[in-house]
Every structure is written in structure tokens, then in C-alpha cells.
C-alpha atoms as a PDB file:
ATOM      1  CA  MET A   1      48.193  89.659 229.375  1.00  0.00           C
ATOM      2  CA  ILE A   2      51.580  92.098 230.001  1.00  0.00           C
ATOM      3  CA  GLU A   3      54.500  90.090 230.809  1.00  0.00           C
ATOM      4  CA  PRO A   4      56.061  91.200 234.277  1.00  0.00           C
ATOM      5  CA  SER A   5      59.705  92.656 233.938  1.00  0.00           C
ATOM      6  CA  TYR A   6      60.999  89.959 236.304  1.00  0.00           C
ATOM      7  CA  VAL A   7      60.037  87.424 233.716  1.00  0.00           C
ATOM      8  CA  ARG A   8      61.537  89.154 230.830  1.00  0.00           C
ATOM      9  CA  VAL A   9      64.967  89.568 233.200  1.00  0.00           C
ATOM     10  CA  ALA A  10      64.888  85.720 233.990  1.00  0.00           C
ATOM     11  CA  ARG A  11      64.320  84.901 230.534  1.00  0.00           C
ATOM     12  CA  ALA A  12      67.126  87.066 229.399  1.00  0.00           C
ATOM     13  CA  ALA A  13      69.512  85.840 231.993  1.00  0.00           C
ATOM     14  CA  TYR A  14      69.045  81.998 231.230  1.00  0.00           C
ATOM     15  CA  ASP A  15      69.078  82.629 227.485  1.00  0.00           C
ATOM     16  CA  ALA A  16      72.584  84.053 228.028  1.00  0.00           C
ATOM     17  CA  MET A  17      73.966  81.111 230.066  1.00  0.00           C
ATOM     18  CA  ALA A  18      72.016  78.301 228.947  1.00  0.00           C
ATOM     19  CA  GLU A  19      75.205  76.452 227.376  1.00  0.00           C
ATOM     20  CA  ASP A  20      77.267  77.307 230.180  1.00  0.00           C
ATOM     21  CA  TYR A  21      74.587  76.050 233.002  1.00  0.00           C
ATOM     22  CA  VAL A  22      74.647  72.860 231.616  1.00  0.00           C
ATOM     23  CA  ASP A  23      78.076  71.413 232.742  1.00  0.00           C
ATOM     24  CA  PHE A  24      77.005  73.624 236.298  1.00  0.00           C
ATOM     25  CA  ALA A  25      73.882  71.647 236.714  1.00  0.00           C
ATOM     26  CA  ARG A  26      74.882  68.244 235.169  1.00  0.00           C
ATOM     27  CA  HIS A  27      75.482  66.363 238.403  1.00  0.00           C
ATOM     28  CA  SER A  28      73.556  68.675 240.574  1.00  0.00           C
ATOM     29  CA  LEU A  29      71.804  65.823 242.211  1.00  0.00           C
ATOM     30  CA  ALA A  30      75.152  63.876 243.180  1.00  0.00           C
ATOM     31  CA  GLY A  31      76.092  63.819 246.914  1.00  0.00           C
ATOM     32  CA  LYS A  32      72.354  64.851 247.533  1.00  0.00           C
ATOM     33  CA  PRO A  33      70.468  61.869 249.108  1.00  0.00           C
ATOM     34  CA  PHE A  34      67.852  63.353 250.552  1.00  0.00           C
ATOM     35  CA  GLU A  35      67.112  65.409 247.269  1.00  0.00           C
ATOM     36  CA  ARG A  36      67.003  62.050 245.391  1.00  0.00           C
ATOM     37  CA  ALA A  37      64.770  60.534 248.114  1.00  0.00           C
ATOM     38  CA  MET A  38      62.374  63.374 247.896  1.00  0.00           C
ATOM     39  CA  LEU A  39      62.183  62.802 243.965  1.00  0.00           C
ATOM     40  CA  ALA A  40      61.808  59.142 244.138  1.00  0.00           C
ATOM     41  CA  SER A  41      58.977  59.449 246.922  1.00  0.00           C
ATOM     42  CA  TYR A  42      57.110  61.843 244.580  1.00  0.00           C
ATOM     43  CA  ALA A  43      57.380  59.509 241.836  1.00  0.00           C
ATOM     44  CA  GLU A  44      56.185  56.696 243.736  1.00  0.00           C
ATOM     45  CA  LEU A  45      53.212  58.942 244.855  1.00  0.00           C
ATOM     46  CA  VAL A  46      52.393  59.955 241.422  1.00  0.00           C
ATOM     47  CA  ARG A  47      52.622  56.162 239.578  1.00  0.00           C
ATOM     48  CA  THR A  48      50.403  54.686 242.479  1.00  0.00           C
ATOM     49  CA  SER A  49      47.734  57.724 242.389  1.00  0.00           C
ATOM     50  CA  GLY A  50      45.947  55.837 239.261  1.00  0.00           C
ATOM     51  CA  LEU A  51      45.610  59.351 237.559  1.00  0.00           C
ATOM     52  CA  PRO A  52      46.189  59.095 233.841  1.00  0.00           C
ATOM     53  CA  GLY A  53      47.891  62.273 233.119  1.00  0.00           C
ATOM     54  CA  PRO A  54      51.486  63.347 232.746  1.00  0.00           C
ATOM     55  CA  VAL A  55      53.549  65.121 234.827  1.00  0.00           C
ATOM     56  CA  ALA A  56      54.960  68.605 233.807  1.00  0.00           C
ATOM     57  CA  GLU A  57      58.084  69.682 235.370  1.00  0.00           C
ATOM     58  CA  VAL A  58      57.544  73.682 235.140  1.00  0.00           C
ATOM     59  CA  GLY A  59      60.875  75.891 235.083  1.00  0.00           C
ATOM     60  CA  CYS A  60      62.665  72.780 233.602  1.00  0.00           C
ATOM     61  CA  GLY A  61      65.724  74.603 232.768  1.00  0.00           C
ATOM     62  CA  THR A  62      68.142  72.129 230.913  1.00  0.00           C
ATOM     63  CA  GLY A  63      65.981  69.114 231.610  1.00  0.00           C
ATOM     64  CA  ARG A  64      68.053  67.425 234.286  1.00  0.00           C
ATOM     65  CA  ILE A  65      65.089  66.827 236.786  1.00  0.00           C
ATOM     66  CA  THR A  66      62.605  66.234 234.071  1.00  0.00           C
ATOM     67  CA  ALA A  67      65.145  63.376 232.653  1.00  0.00           C
ATOM     68  CA  HIS A  68      65.312  62.003 236.032  1.00  0.00           C
ATOM     69  CA  LEU A  69      61.834  61.764 236.837  1.00  0.00           C
ATOM     70  CA  HIS A  70      61.639  60.077 233.340  1.00  0.00           C
ATOM     71  CA  ALA A  71      64.249  57.593 234.704  1.00  0.00           C
ATOM     72  CA  LEU A  72      61.944  56.882 237.874  1.00  0.00           C
ATOM     73  CA  GLY A  73      59.250  55.792 235.629  1.00  0.00           C
ATOM     74  CA  LEU A  74      56.862  58.738 235.068  1.00  0.00           C
ATOM     75  CA  ASP A  75      55.380  60.079 231.872  1.00  0.00           C
ATOM     76  CA  VAL A  76      56.948  63.604 232.311  1.00  0.00           C
ATOM     77  CA  PHE A  77      57.347  66.777 230.118  1.00  0.00           C
ATOM     78  CA  GLY A  78      59.015  70.094 230.762  1.00  0.00           C
ATOM     79  CA  VAL A  79      58.259  73.658 230.531  1.00  0.00           C
ATOM     80  CA  ASP A  80      60.578  76.574 230.688  1.00  0.00           C
ATOM     81  CA  LEU A  81      60.451  80.223 229.689  1.00  0.00           C
ATOM     82  CA  SER A  82      64.057  80.359 228.242  1.00  0.00           C
ATOM     83  CA  PRO A  83      64.288  79.297 224.830  1.00  0.00           C
ATOM     84  CA  GLY A  84      67.914  79.073 225.265  1.00  0.00           C
ATOM     85  CA  MET A  85      67.408  76.295 228.075  1.00  0.00           C
ATOM     86  CA  ILE A  86      64.638  74.357 225.818  1.00  0.00           C
ATOM     87  CA  ALA A  87      66.956  74.187 222.995  1.00  0.00           C
ATOM     88  CA  VAL A  88      69.503  72.534 225.285  1.00  0.00           C
ATOM     89  CA  ALA A  89      67.107  70.234 227.191  1.00  0.00           C
ATOM     90  CA  ARG A  90      65.729  69.152 223.691  1.00  0.00           C
ATOM     91  CA  ARG A  91      69.451  68.629 222.365  1.00  0.00           C
ATOM     92  CA  ASP A  92      70.397  66.663 225.370  1.00  0.00           C
ATOM     93  CA  HIS A  93      67.155  64.900 226.235  1.00  0.00           C
ATOM     94  CA  PRO A  94      65.499  64.248 222.622  1.00  0.00           C
ATOM     95  CA  HIS A  95      63.184  61.377 224.230  1.00  0.00           C
ATOM     96  CA  ILE A  96      61.572  63.834 226.168  1.00  0.00           C
ATOM     97  CA  ARG A  97      59.093  66.532 225.349  1.00  0.00           C
ATOM     98  CA  PHE A  98      60.065  70.176 226.098  1.00  0.00           C
ATOM     99  CA  GLU A  99      58.050  73.541 225.775  1.00  0.00           C
ATOM    100  CA  GLU A 100      58.161  77.165 226.237  1.00  0.00           C
ATOM    101  CA  GLY A 101      55.694  78.635 228.762  1.00  0.00           C
ATOM    102  CA  ARG A 102      55.852  80.402 232.268  1.00  0.00           C
ATOM    103  CA  LEU A 103      54.510  79.697 235.743  1.00  0.00           C
ATOM    104  CA  ALA A 104      51.761  81.993 235.978  1.00  0.00           C
ATOM    105  CA  ALA A 105      50.294  81.217 232.350  1.00  0.00           C
ATOM    106  CA  LEU A 106      50.758  77.935 231.591  1.00  0.00           C
ATOM    107  CA  ASP A 107      49.468  76.515 228.033  1.00  0.00           C
ATOM    108  CA  ILE A 108      47.962  73.362 229.807  1.00  0.00           C
ATOM    109  CA  ALA A 109      44.564  72.212 229.961  1.00  0.00           C
ATOM    110  CA  ASP A 110      42.521  72.433 233.380  1.00  0.00           C
ATOM    111  CA  GLU A 111      42.864  69.397 235.419  1.00  0.00           C
ATOM    112  CA  SER A 112      44.972  67.488 232.987  1.00  0.00           C
ATOM    113  CA  LEU A 113      47.895  66.494 234.795  1.00  0.00           C
ATOM    114  CA  SER A 114      48.765  63.866 237.501  1.00  0.00           C
ATOM    115  CA  GLY A 115      51.406  65.873 238.935  1.00  0.00           C
ATOM    116  CA  VAL A 116      53.476  69.194 238.636  1.00  0.00           C
ATOM    117  CA  VAL A 117      57.144  69.362 239.830  1.00  0.00           C
ATOM    118  CA  ALA A 118      58.291  73.329 240.235  1.00  0.00           C
ATOM    119  CA  TRP A 119      62.117  72.414 241.232  1.00  0.00           C
ATOM    120  CA  TYR A 120      63.525  75.813 242.499  1.00  0.00           C
ATOM    121  CA  SER A 121      61.295  77.334 239.838  1.00  0.00           C
ATOM    122  CA  ILE A 122      59.681  80.078 242.051  1.00  0.00           C
ATOM    123  CA  ILE A 123      62.793  81.380 243.273  1.00  0.00           C
ATOM    124  CA  HIS A 124      62.810  84.232 240.881  1.00  0.00           C
ATOM    125  CA  THR A 125      59.286  85.144 241.290  1.00  0.00           C
ATOM    126  CA  PRO A 126      58.494  87.978 243.768  1.00  0.00           C
ATOM    127  CA  PRO A 127      56.780  86.732 247.045  1.00  0.00           C
ATOM    128  CA  GLU A 128      53.573  88.588 246.172  1.00  0.00           C
ATOM    129  CA  GLU A 129      53.064  86.820 243.112  1.00  0.00           C
ATOM    130  CA  HIS A 130      53.250  83.438 244.638  1.00  0.00           C
ATOM    131  CA  PRO A 131      49.301  83.023 245.215  1.00  0.00           C
ATOM    132  CA  ALA A 132      48.673  83.454 241.273  1.00  0.00           C
ATOM    133  CA  VAL A 133      51.548  80.957 240.461  1.00  0.00           C
ATOM    134  CA  LEU A 134      50.052  78.482 243.011  1.00  0.00           C
ATOM    135  CA  ALA A 135      46.502  78.987 241.783  1.00  0.00           C
ATOM    136  CA  GLU A 136      47.696  78.349 238.084  1.00  0.00           C
ATOM    137  CA  LEU A 137      49.576  74.978 239.534  1.00  0.00           C
ATOM    138  CA  HIS A 138      46.099  74.274 240.970  1.00  0.00           C
ATOM    139  CA  ARG A 139      44.401  74.623 237.510  1.00  0.00           C
ATOM    140  CA  VAL A 140      46.385  72.053 235.863  1.00  0.00           C
ATOM    141  CA  LEU A 141      46.502  69.572 238.406  1.00  0.00           C
ATOM    142  CA  ALA A 142      43.852  66.935 238.699  1.00  0.00           C
ATOM    143  CA  PRO A 143      42.069  66.185 241.427  1.00  0.00           C
ATOM    144  CA  GLY A 144      44.302  63.793 243.666  1.00  0.00           C
ATOM    145  CA  GLY A 145      47.218  65.024 241.778  1.00  0.00           C
ATOM    146  CA  HIS A 146      50.486  65.816 243.480  1.00  0.00           C
ATOM    147  CA  LEU A 147      52.742  68.948 243.689  1.00  0.00           C
ATOM    148  CA  LEU A 148      56.407  69.106 244.494  1.00  0.00           C
ATOM    149  CA  LEU A 149      58.248  72.407 245.275  1.00  0.00           C
ATOM    150  CA  ALA A 150      61.700  73.023 245.966  1.00  0.00           C
ATOM    151  CA  PHE A 151      63.120  76.585 246.750  1.00  0.00           C
ATOM    152  CA  GLN A 152      65.441  78.323 248.980  1.00  0.00           C
ATOM    153  CA  VAL A 153      64.551  79.283 252.601  1.00  0.00           C
ATOM    154  CA  GLY A 154      64.234  82.459 254.006  1.00  0.00           C
ATOM    155  CA  GLN A 155      61.807  84.835 255.732  1.00  0.00           C
ATOM    156  CA  ILE A 156      59.170  87.110 253.705  1.00  0.00           C
ATOM    157  CA  GLY A 157      60.661  90.998 254.049  1.00  0.00           C
ATOM    158  CA  ASP A 158      64.164  89.270 253.323  1.00  0.00           C
ATOM    159  CA  GLU A 159      66.035  91.402 250.891  1.00  0.00           C
ATOM    160  CA  PRO A 160      66.454  89.129 247.870  1.00  0.00           C
ATOM    161  CA  PHE A 161      70.060  87.955 246.909  1.00  0.00           C
ATOM    162  CA  HIS A 162      70.860  90.055 243.740  1.00  0.00           C
ATOM    163  CA  LEU A 163      73.144  88.221 241.003  1.00  0.00           C
ATOM    164  CA  ALA A 164      74.750  90.356 238.470  1.00  0.00           C
ATOM    165  CA  GLU A 165      77.094  88.026 236.932  1.00  0.00           C
ATOM    166  CA  ALA A 166      76.813  84.408 236.110  1.00  0.00           C
ATOM    167  CA  PHE A 167      79.373  82.087 233.970  1.00  0.00           C
ATOM    168  CA  GLY A 168      80.736  85.251 232.650  1.00  0.00           C
ATOM    169  CA  HIS A 169      77.487  86.872 231.357  1.00  0.00           C
ATOM    170  CA  GLN A 170      76.236  90.044 232.846  1.00  0.00           C
ATOM    171  CA  VAL A 171      72.625  89.373 234.410  1.00  0.00           C
ATOM    172  CA  ALA A 172      70.060  90.853 236.825  1.00  0.00           C
ATOM    173  CA  LEU A 173      68.500  88.134 238.653  1.00  0.00           C
ATOM    174  CA  ASP A 174      66.898  88.381 242.026  1.00  0.00           C
ATOM    175  CA  PHE A 175      66.485  85.245 244.169  1.00  0.00           C
ATOM    176  CA  HIS A 176      63.699  85.473 246.875  1.00  0.00           C
ATOM    177  CA  ARG A 177      63.568  83.005 249.588  1.00  0.00           C
ATOM    178  CA  VAL A 178      60.560  82.250 251.754  1.00  0.00           C
ATOM    179  CA  SER A 179      59.614  79.967 254.380  1.00  0.00           C
ATOM    180  CA  PRO A 180      58.184  76.666 254.241  1.00  0.00           C
ATOM    181  CA  ASP A 181      55.688  77.540 256.879  1.00  0.00           C
ATOM    182  CA  HIS A 182      54.535  80.542 254.532  1.00  0.00           C
ATOM    183  CA  LEU A 183      54.438  78.152 251.437  1.00  0.00           C
ATOM    184  CA  THR A 184      52.465  75.661 253.390  1.00  0.00           C
ATOM    185  CA  ARG A 185      49.801  78.256 254.319  1.00  0.00           C
ATOM    186  CA  LEU A 186      49.452  79.721 250.401  1.00  0.00           C
ATOM    187  CA  LEU A 187      49.170  76.028 249.433  1.00  0.00           C
ATOM    188  CA  ALA A 188      46.221  75.415 251.651  1.00  0.00           C
ATOM    189  CA  ASP A 189      44.739  78.544 250.433  1.00  0.00           C
ATOM    190  CA  ALA A 190      45.107  77.577 247.168  1.00  0.00           C
ATOM    191  CA  GLY A 191      43.561  73.872 247.673  1.00  0.00           C
ATOM    192  CA  VAL A 192      46.756  72.047 247.503  1.00  0.00           C
ATOM    193  CA  PRO A 193      47.489  71.261 251.147  1.00  0.00           C
ATOM    194  CA  VAL A 194      50.927  69.839 252.105  1.00  0.00           C
ATOM    195  CA  ILE A 195      51.340  66.150 252.817  1.00  0.00           C
ATOM    196  CA  ALA A 196      55.168  66.147 253.476  1.00  0.00           C
ATOM    197  CA  ARG A 197      58.212  68.533 253.985  1.00  0.00           C
ATOM    198  CA  LEU A 198      61.867  68.200 253.785  1.00  0.00           C
ATOM    199  CA  LEU A 199      64.113  70.980 255.452  1.00  0.00           C
ATOM    200  CA  CYS A 200      68.108  70.605 254.500  1.00  0.00           C
ATOM    201  CA  GLU A 201      70.243  72.844 256.626  1.00  0.00           C
ATOM    202  CA  ARG A 202      72.693  75.055 254.925  1.00  0.00           C
ATOM    203  CA  LYS A 203      75.848  73.247 253.583  1.00  0.00           C
ATOM    204  CA  GLU A 204      79.185  75.069 252.992  1.00  0.00           C
ATOM    205  CA  SER A 205      78.561  75.313 249.448  1.00  0.00           C
ATOM    206  CA  GLU A 206      75.094  76.966 249.847  1.00  0.00           C
ATOM    207  CA  ARG A 207      74.069  80.307 250.784  1.00  0.00           C
ATOM    208  CA  THR A 208      70.650  79.105 252.532  1.00  0.00           C
ATOM    209  CA  PRO A 209      68.785  76.086 253.661  1.00  0.00           C
ATOM    210  CA  GLN A 210      66.846  74.378 251.170  1.00  0.00           C
ATOM    211  CA  ALA A 211      63.203  73.117 251.684  1.00  0.00           C
ATOM    212  CA  TYR A 212      61.046  70.663 249.638  1.00  0.00           C
ATOM    213  CA  LEU A 213      57.265  70.308 249.903  1.00  0.00           C
ATOM    214  CA  VAL A 214      54.995  67.734 248.789  1.00  0.00           C
ATOM    215  CA  ALA A 215      51.416  68.610 248.386  1.00  0.00           C
ATOM    216  CA  ARG A 216      48.130  66.904 246.899  1.00  0.00           C
ATOM    217  CA  LYS A 217      45.133  68.651 245.444  1.00  0.00           C
ATOM    218  CA  GLY A 218      41.826  67.530 246.968  1.00  0.00           C
END
């Protein structure tokens, strides 16, 4: 399978800034009670589902959310396309498993996971590729398994935000924003209907509102 150019661009960018990203993201949940509440609610849903499989955080970066979910009692491992990010995650969280992989082609068996978390993982994926990504997440989820998506809010057709420099490194990252309603429709089409949503209005330190969707595979 030929790897899309946006995947290669994102991998190169996050490899370059992996070490610098650690300090930036270390306290990313501090002062964000709604996000912590969503993660805690999600962890409770997974723990009480009775499903035997682990949870995968796909697009785990430096592993901060993976570690938070582990602290909430989940059997969780992380997957990321950036070897640099994976190296940092393994170093900082040696008690958790981390693997290289990408959203649309996960090396995970069919219906083997009790949960999947994609915490700002789809923001570099062009919207036209979202159905394929959601189909892959549906594939790896067991029936009754839960999916948690976090993303930046916008409208289909909006110009992506382009980032050319980050932490002193030259990058070429595009950030794609989508609406919760749009992703809700795509999730229903993929067989993972939404059961809860959270919309946080834009803060002064952010460029867009932030949204969180919990969905359950039928």
C-alpha cells in the first residue's frame, strides 16, 4: 500500500519536534476539567463493558493520554506513526506498551479491542480520508466496544490551518477542522453511533472550539 503524503509529512514533523513536544504537552490536562471528566467517563464505560480486550490510544504521541488512561485503570497501549514520539513515550512510560502504526492501517486484529481513543489524532487527516479511518477503527473494535474522538471544530470546506514552524523546527503540518455533526454522521455510517458529545467553546489560548465524541460499536 502506498503511504499518503500527509502521513509522511506528519511523521517527519513529529519526529523533528518529539523532544520539544514533551514539555509542551506534559501538563496538557491541567486546568481542563471537562476533558478530564470525558476521559474518566470513557474509562468507566470501558471498565464496566465486560469486554476482555485492551484499549488502544491511536496517535498517542508522547504517551501522556495513554498514561492518564492507565492511571484510570484501563489496560491500554499506544500507537503512533512517529518513531521519535514512540521513543519518547517508551522512555517516559516504560510500564506501558507503545508501537509504531498509523490510523488507516493498524496492525491490530479484527474486533480485538474493548476501546479505541483517538485524542486529536485525526486533525492531520484530510476530511475525505475520514471514512476510511473510521472504518479501520470499527474493524479493530469488538462489538460493544467504545471509541473516543477528540478534535478541533470547524466546517467541511474550511481552509486547513497550516503550520510551517514549531518549536524552532521547520514543518509543513495542516490542521483539518470538522464539525461534531459531520463526524457523528460518519460514525453512524461506519457502524459506531455516537452516545455522548462534549463541545468546549474556544478559549483565548486556542484557535477553535474543541469537541469530544464517545461512540459505541453495535
